[in-house]
N, C-alpha and C. Protein backbone atom coordinates (compact mmCIF):
# COMPACT_ATOMS: atom_id res chain seq x y z
N MET A 1 -7.65 -14.16 6.97
CA MET A 1 -6.40 -14.04 6.02
C MET A 1 -5.57 -12.75 6.31
N SER A 2 -6.15 -11.56 6.60
CA SER A 2 -5.63 -10.56 6.68
C SER A 2 -4.96 -9.69 7.85
N ASP A 3 -5.08 -10.64 9.03
CA ASP A 3 -4.77 -10.45 10.27
C ASP A 3 -3.58 -11.49 11.04
N LYS A 4 -3.28 -12.28 10.11
CA LYS A 4 -1.94 -13.11 10.57
C LYS A 4 -0.71 -12.31 10.71
N GLY A 5 -0.66 -11.96 12.12
CA GLY A 5 0.35 -11.37 12.44
C GLY A 5 1.00 -9.98 12.07
N ASN A 6 0.33 -9.08 11.36
CA ASN A 6 0.43 -7.86 10.61
C ASN A 6 -0.48 -6.97 10.80
N ASN A 7 -0.93 -6.84 12.13
CA ASN A 7 -2.24 -5.92 12.28
C ASN A 7 -1.55 -4.36 12.12
N SER A 8 -0.51 -4.00 12.40
CA SER A 8 0.08 -2.89 12.01
C SER A 8 -0.38 -2.22 10.44
N ILE A 9 0.23 -3.07 9.81
CA ILE A 9 0.16 -2.80 8.12
C ILE A 9 -1.36 -2.79 7.80
N THR A 10 -2.23 -3.83 8.40
CA THR A 10 -3.75 -3.92 7.80
C THR A 10 -4.31 -2.44 8.57
N ASP A 11 -4.01 -2.26 9.30
CA ASP A 11 -4.31 -1.05 10.26
C ASP A 11 -4.39 0.40 9.24
N VAL A 12 -2.82 0.59 8.76
CA VAL A 12 -2.43 1.36 7.77
C VAL A 12 -3.30 1.48 6.36
N LEU A 13 -3.44 0.21 5.83
CA LEU A 13 -4.13 -0.01 4.85
C LEU A 13 -5.65 0.31 5.04
N ARG A 14 -6.09 0.46 5.91
CA ARG A 14 -7.82 0.63 6.40
C ARG A 14 -7.67 2.06 6.19
N SER A 15 -6.84 2.85 6.61
CA SER A 15 -6.79 4.27 6.78
C SER A 15 -6.41 5.06 5.73
N PHE A 16 -6.34 4.55 4.33
CA PHE A 16 -5.82 5.08 3.15
C PHE A 16 -7.02 5.35 2.36
N PRO A 17 -7.33 6.17 1.77
CA PRO A 17 -8.26 6.63 0.87
C PRO A 17 -8.00 5.85 -0.77
N ILE A 18 -8.64 6.12 -1.63
CA ILE A 18 -8.63 5.41 -2.96
C ILE A 18 -8.07 6.57 -3.31
N ASN A 19 -6.85 6.10 -4.33
CA ASN A 19 -5.77 6.65 -4.89
C ASN A 19 -4.80 7.07 -4.21
N TYR A 20 -4.76 6.92 -2.94
CA TYR A 20 -3.60 7.23 -1.93
C TYR A 20 -2.18 6.98 -2.69
N VAL A 21 -1.46 8.15 -2.65
CA VAL A 21 -0.09 8.04 -3.29
C VAL A 21 0.98 7.33 -2.52
N VAL A 22 1.43 5.73 -2.90
CA VAL A 22 2.24 5.24 -2.39
C VAL A 22 3.16 4.65 -3.52
N HIS A 23 4.46 4.93 -2.97
CA HIS A 23 5.81 4.73 -4.16
C HIS A 23 6.13 3.10 -4.17
N GLU A 24 6.43 2.40 -3.07
CA GLU A 24 6.69 1.58 -2.96
C GLU A 24 6.10 0.21 -2.34
N VAL A 25 5.82 -0.72 -2.24
CA VAL A 25 5.44 -2.04 -1.39
C VAL A 25 6.68 -3.05 -1.01
N GLU A 26 6.86 -3.35 0.38
CA GLU A 26 8.12 -4.35 0.37
C GLU A 26 7.34 -5.47 0.85
N LEU A 27 7.56 -6.24 0.30
CA LEU A 27 7.23 -7.88 0.68
C LEU A 27 8.48 -8.65 1.03
N GLN A 28 8.59 -8.49 2.15
CA GLN A 28 9.57 -9.72 2.88
C GLN A 28 11.08 -9.20 2.23
N GLY A 29 11.31 -8.28 1.96
CA GLY A 29 12.65 -7.43 1.54
C GLY A 29 12.76 -7.33 0.58
N GLN A 30 11.56 -7.62 -0.47
CA GLN A 30 11.74 -7.47 -2.11
C GLN A 30 10.69 -6.05 -2.22
N SER A 31 11.07 -5.11 -3.03
CA SER A 31 10.21 -4.02 -3.21
C SER A 31 9.73 -3.82 -4.68
N GLU A 32 8.31 -3.85 -4.63
CA GLU A 32 7.59 -3.54 -5.59
C GLU A 32 7.23 -2.15 -6.21
N GLU A 33 7.41 -1.61 -7.21
CA GLU A 33 6.67 -0.22 -7.65
C GLU A 33 5.69 0.17 -7.84
N VAL A 34 4.74 0.77 -6.98
CA VAL A 34 3.33 1.08 -7.25
C VAL A 34 3.18 2.97 -7.43
N THR A 35 2.02 3.19 -7.71
CA THR A 35 2.10 4.50 -7.73
C THR A 35 0.79 5.02 -6.80
N ASN A 36 -0.23 4.19 -6.71
CA ASN A 36 -1.41 4.35 -6.28
C ASN A 36 -2.19 3.20 -5.44
N PHE A 37 -2.56 3.20 -4.08
CA PHE A 37 -3.40 2.65 -3.18
C PHE A 37 -4.82 2.69 -4.35
N LEU A 38 -5.31 1.13 -4.46
CA LEU A 38 -6.56 1.20 -4.99
C LEU A 38 -7.55 0.65 -3.95
N GLY A 39 -7.19 -0.41 -3.13
CA GLY A 39 -8.22 -0.89 -2.34
C GLY A 39 -7.64 -1.96 -1.08
N PHE A 40 -8.35 -2.38 -0.43
CA PHE A 40 -7.97 -3.42 0.77
C PHE A 40 -9.31 -4.40 1.24
N ASP A 41 -8.92 -5.69 1.06
CA ASP A 41 -10.07 -6.48 1.08
C ASP A 41 -10.09 -7.05 2.55
N ASP A 42 -10.77 -6.72 3.69
CA ASP A 42 -10.88 -7.55 5.01
C ASP A 42 -10.63 -8.90 4.88
N VAL A 43 -11.80 -9.26 4.27
CA VAL A 43 -11.92 -10.79 4.15
C VAL A 43 -10.96 -12.00 3.65
N THR A 44 -10.49 -11.17 2.49
CA THR A 44 -9.42 -11.65 1.82
C THR A 44 -8.05 -11.52 2.21
N GLY A 45 -7.78 -10.19 2.75
CA GLY A 45 -6.57 -9.90 3.13
C GLY A 45 -5.60 -9.27 1.74
N LEU A 46 -6.39 -9.06 0.41
CA LEU A 46 -5.61 -8.67 -0.43
C LEU A 46 -5.60 -7.21 -0.79
N VAL A 47 -4.74 -6.67 -1.44
CA VAL A 47 -4.39 -5.09 -1.48
C VAL A 47 -4.43 -5.17 -2.99
N LEU A 48 -4.89 -4.09 -3.45
CA LEU A 48 -4.66 -3.67 -4.79
C LEU A 48 -4.27 -2.24 -4.84
N PHE A 49 -3.21 -2.05 -5.67
CA PHE A 49 -2.03 -0.80 -5.88
C PHE A 49 -2.24 -0.79 -7.56
N LYS A 50 -2.17 0.43 -7.94
CA LYS A 50 -1.78 0.68 -9.51
C LYS A 50 -0.21 1.02 -9.68
N ASN A 51 -0.13 0.61 -10.69
CA ASN A 51 1.35 0.82 -11.11
C ASN A 51 1.21 1.76 -12.60
N GLY A 52 1.11 2.87 -12.83
CA GLY A 52 0.80 3.30 -14.02
C GLY A 52 -0.20 2.58 -14.52
N SER A 53 -0.66 1.80 -15.95
CA SER A 53 -1.57 0.92 -16.20
C SER A 53 -1.96 -0.06 -15.94
N GLU A 54 -1.02 -0.51 -14.84
CA GLU A 54 -1.03 -2.04 -14.02
C GLU A 54 -1.79 -1.79 -12.85
N THR A 55 -2.29 -3.23 -12.47
CA THR A 55 -3.08 -3.17 -11.52
C THR A 55 -2.18 -4.35 -10.58
N LYS A 56 -1.65 -3.97 -9.39
CA LYS A 56 -1.00 -5.16 -8.62
C LYS A 56 -1.66 -5.56 -7.38
N VAL A 57 -1.79 -6.77 -7.19
CA VAL A 57 -2.32 -7.35 -6.12
C VAL A 57 -1.70 -7.97 -5.16
N PHE A 58 -1.60 -7.70 -3.84
CA PHE A 58 -0.45 -8.35 -2.78
C PHE A 58 -1.55 -8.85 -1.51
N ASP A 59 -1.05 -9.98 -0.98
CA ASP A 59 -1.30 -10.72 -0.15
C ASP A 59 -0.92 -9.58 1.35
N SER A 60 -2.04 -8.96 1.79
CA SER A 60 -1.26 -8.27 3.08
C SER A 60 -0.53 -8.76 4.22
N SER A 61 -0.72 -10.15 4.13
CA SER A 61 0.11 -10.55 5.51
C SER A 61 1.53 -10.64 5.12
N ARG A 62 1.95 -10.44 3.76
CA ARG A 62 3.35 -10.46 3.13
C ARG A 62 3.92 -9.33 3.00
N ILE A 63 3.36 -8.29 3.40
CA ILE A 63 3.62 -6.80 3.24
C ILE A 63 4.47 -6.44 4.52
N THR A 64 5.99 -6.01 4.18
CA THR A 64 6.43 -5.41 5.38
C THR A 64 6.70 -4.30 5.56
N GLY A 65 6.63 -3.35 4.68
CA GLY A 65 7.01 -1.83 4.66
C GLY A 65 6.03 -1.20 3.49
N LEU A 66 5.96 -0.18 3.47
CA LEU A 66 5.42 0.88 2.34
C LEU A 66 6.38 2.17 2.38
N LEU A 67 6.32 2.39 1.08
CA LEU A 67 7.07 3.89 0.86
C LEU A 67 6.07 4.91 0.37
N LEU A 68 5.80 5.81 1.17
CA LEU A 68 4.89 6.73 0.94
C LEU A 68 5.29 8.09 0.46
N ASP A 69 4.49 9.16 0.07
CA ASP A 69 4.91 10.38 -0.39
C ASP A 69 5.00 11.35 0.93
N GLU A 70 5.99 12.37 1.05
CA GLU A 70 6.30 12.87 2.17
C GLU A 70 5.13 13.74 2.52
N ASP A 71 4.37 14.22 1.46
CA ASP A 71 3.08 14.84 1.65
C ASP A 71 2.00 14.25 0.76
N PRO A 72 1.10 13.60 1.48
CA PRO A 72 -0.03 12.86 0.75
C PRO A 72 -0.91 13.60 -0.37
N ASN A 73 -0.70 14.69 -0.23
CA ASN A 73 -1.44 15.73 -1.28
C ASN A 73 -0.21 16.03 -2.58
N GLY A 74 0.92 15.62 -2.34
CA GLY A 74 1.73 15.72 -3.66
C GLY A 74 2.38 16.93 -3.34
N GLU A 75 2.24 17.83 -2.73
CA GLU A 75 2.85 19.04 -2.48
C GLU A 75 3.91 19.29 -1.55
N ASN A 76 5.06 19.42 -1.85
CA ASN A 76 6.13 19.59 -1.35
C ASN A 76 6.41 20.95 -0.80
N GLU A 77 6.54 20.97 0.34
CA GLU A 77 6.68 22.55 1.44
C GLU A 77 7.86 23.02 1.23
N ASP A 78 8.65 22.64 0.32
CA ASP A 78 9.99 23.51 -0.04
C ASP A 78 9.63 24.26 -1.29
N ASN A 79 8.73 24.21 -2.04
CA ASN A 79 8.64 24.72 -3.28
C ASN A 79 8.05 26.16 -2.92
């Protein structure tokens, strides 16, 4: 299920460590706010993100984009 024509997104998701900062997940044109990546299941293709106290679960084959932090450490170089 995870590799239905969406290999580049799944490759990116596989590279994320737990708690990686992600601000939005785009699902075929609809944006969902999130705060952190929680995990990716290669077998089911399901992706878990945190949004405050909520846990959001998405089908990776529907993800068309991700809005990430400029600096994954949360530090802005301009400061």
